[in-house]
Protein backbone atom coordinates (compact mmCIF):
# COMPACT_ATOMS: atom_id res chain seq x y z
CA MET A 1 33.58 4.98 -23.83
CA ARG A 2 32.52 2.76 -21.32
CA LEU A 3 29.48 4.86 -20.43
CA ARG A 4 28.59 5.34 -24.13
CA LEU A 5 28.85 1.48 -24.89
CA LEU A 6 26.55 0.99 -21.56
CA LEU A 7 24.15 3.71 -23.26
CA SER A 8 24.03 2.01 -26.59
CA PHE A 9 23.14 -1.45 -25.21
CA VAL A 10 20.39 0.03 -23.13
CA ILE A 11 18.90 1.18 -26.18
CA LEU A 12 19.42 -2.10 -28.25
CA ALA A 13 18.06 -3.79 -25.52
CA THR A 14 14.75 -1.40 -25.32
CA LEU A 15 14.08 -1.47 -29.23
CA GLY A 16 14.77 -5.41 -28.91
CA VAL A 17 12.16 -5.43 -26.79
CA MET A 18 9.79 -3.10 -28.51
CA SER A 19 10.36 -5.01 -31.56
CA ALA A 20 9.61 -8.51 -30.27
CA ALA A 21 6.67 -7.62 -28.95
CA ALA A 22 4.96 -6.00 -31.58
CA GLN A 23 5.23 -9.49 -32.99
CA ALA A 24 4.43 -11.46 -29.81
CA PRO A 25 1.34 -12.73 -28.21
CA ASP A 26 2.73 -11.53 -25.07
CA THR A 27 1.16 -8.51 -25.09
CA LEU A 28 -2.06 -7.03 -23.72
CA GLN A 29 -3.78 -3.66 -24.34
CA VAL A 30 -5.60 -2.34 -21.14
CA ALA A 31 -7.87 0.52 -20.15
CA ILE A 32 -6.71 1.44 -16.97
CA PRO A 33 -9.21 4.00 -15.69
CA PHE A 34 -6.88 5.15 -12.44
CA ALA A 35 -3.49 6.85 -12.07
CA PHE A 36 -0.54 4.22 -10.88
CA THR A 37 2.09 3.47 -10.38
CA VAL A 38 5.03 1.05 -11.60
CA HIS A 39 8.17 0.53 -9.65
CA SER A 40 7.84 4.10 -8.30
CA VAL A 41 7.27 5.62 -11.90
CA ALA A 42 4.01 7.58 -11.81
CA MET A 43 1.77 6.52 -15.00
CA PRO A 44 -1.44 8.53 -15.58
CA ALA A 45 -4.76 6.59 -16.40
CA GLY A 46 -5.56 5.81 -20.07
CA GLU A 47 -4.84 2.79 -22.60
CA TYR A 48 -1.76 1.07 -22.14
CA ARG A 49 -0.14 -1.66 -23.82
CA ILE A 50 2.06 -4.21 -21.60
CA SER A 51 4.70 -6.53 -23.36
CA ARG A 52 6.58 -9.39 -21.69
CA SER A 53 10.27 -10.75 -23.22
CA ALA A 54 9.83 -14.09 -24.84
CA ASP A 55 13.01 -15.07 -23.27
CA GLY A 56 11.26 -15.54 -19.94
CA SER A 57 13.72 -13.15 -17.87
CA GLY A 58 11.08 -11.68 -16.82
CA LEU A 59 11.87 -8.00 -18.09
CA LEU A 60 8.35 -6.21 -19.32
CA ALA A 61 7.70 -2.94 -21.09
CA ILE A 62 4.64 -0.95 -20.63
CA GLU A 63 3.68 1.69 -23.13
CA ASN A 64 1.14 4.66 -22.53
CA ILE A 65 -0.66 4.70 -25.95
CA ASP A 66 -1.44 8.19 -26.26
CA THR A 67 1.86 9.83 -24.99
CA ARG A 68 4.23 7.15 -25.95
CA GLN A 69 5.53 7.05 -22.25
CA THR A 70 7.46 3.49 -21.92
CA VAL A 71 8.68 1.94 -18.93
CA LEU A 72 11.06 -1.04 -18.48
CA PHE A 73 10.71 -3.05 -15.40
CA LEU A 74 11.39 -6.64 -13.89
CA GLY A 75 8.78 -8.65 -12.48
CA ASN A 76 8.98 -12.27 -10.80
CA GLN A 77 7.60 -15.28 -13.01
CA THR A 78 5.13 -17.00 -11.06
CA GLY A 79 2.93 -19.86 -11.95
CA HIS A 80 -0.77 -20.71 -11.74
CA GLY A 81 -0.68 -24.42 -12.37
CA LEU A 82 -3.61 -24.16 -15.06
CA ALA A 83 -3.51 -21.71 -17.94
CA ALA A 84 -5.20 -18.60 -17.27
CA ASP A 85 -8.35 -18.41 -19.02
CA GLN A 86 -8.32 -14.57 -19.67
CA SER A 87 -5.69 -12.22 -19.27
CA SER A 88 -5.43 -9.73 -15.94
CA VAL A 89 -3.50 -7.12 -14.52
CA ALA A 90 -4.17 -6.36 -10.97
CA PHE A 91 -3.27 -3.35 -8.94
CA ARG A 92 -3.02 -2.87 -4.86
CA SER A 93 -4.89 0.55 -3.63
CA GLY A 94 -2.17 2.83 -1.23
CA THR A 95 -3.45 5.82 0.61
CA ALA A 96 -2.50 8.03 -2.43
CA ALA A 97 -2.05 5.58 -5.59
CA TYR A 98 -2.35 2.37 -6.80
CA SER A 99 0.62 0.14 -7.86
CA MET A 100 0.65 -2.54 -10.27
CA THR A 101 0.90 -5.72 -8.79
CA ASP A 102 0.34 -8.99 -10.63
CA ILE A 103 0.07 -9.44 -14.68
CA SER A 104 -1.45 -12.63 -16.10
CA TRP A 105 -1.59 -13.57 -19.81
CA ALA A 106 -4.70 -15.71 -21.37
CA GLY A 107 -3.44 -19.60 -22.51
CA TYR A 108 -0.39 -19.09 -19.97
CA THR A 109 0.35 -20.98 -16.87
CA SER A 110 2.53 -18.51 -15.63
CA GLY A 111 2.57 -14.65 -14.74
CA VAL A 112 4.38 -11.54 -13.28
CA GLN A 113 4.22 -10.32 -10.48
CA LEU A 114 6.07 -7.12 -8.64
CA LYS A 115 6.58 -5.92 -5.69
CA VAL A 116 3.27 -6.76 -3.34
CA PRO A 117 2.12 -4.00 -0.98
CA SER A 118 -0.10 -4.46 1.52
CA GLU A 119 -3.38 -2.40 0.37
CA PRO A 120 -6.68 -4.05 -1.19
CA VAL A 121 -6.50 -5.10 -4.64
CA MET A 122 -7.94 -3.07 -7.86
CA THR A 123 -8.39 -4.44 -11.55
CA ALA A 124 -8.42 -3.25 -15.03
CA SER A 125 -10.30 -3.75 -17.69
CA LEU A 126 -8.66 -5.56 -21.54
CA LYS A 127 -9.51 -4.66 -24.48
């Protein structure tokens, strides 16, 4: 019974994040030309939609537009001081793969930072 209740909560939370993201300005669409990881989940190169919850909890979703693969993950809110001029997604290059590290939204003074590896940064162009 507990497992069923927990599973129902996770599904409802996922649907709530996805429906809120479809309406919110907190959604980015980005073309990522290389395979990468988000919190150790492998993602192929492609078109992605990245959404963050409007409640400031740090909950994010990244969805591959072609395959509909979606990953929910948590990030740490970061402050930039001034509002960002344009949205950006940053990656760190490892020996075998790229890892997503930072996401910023145009017009916002805060962004999201993920666990930061120690390799150089690569960026993807936004649509």
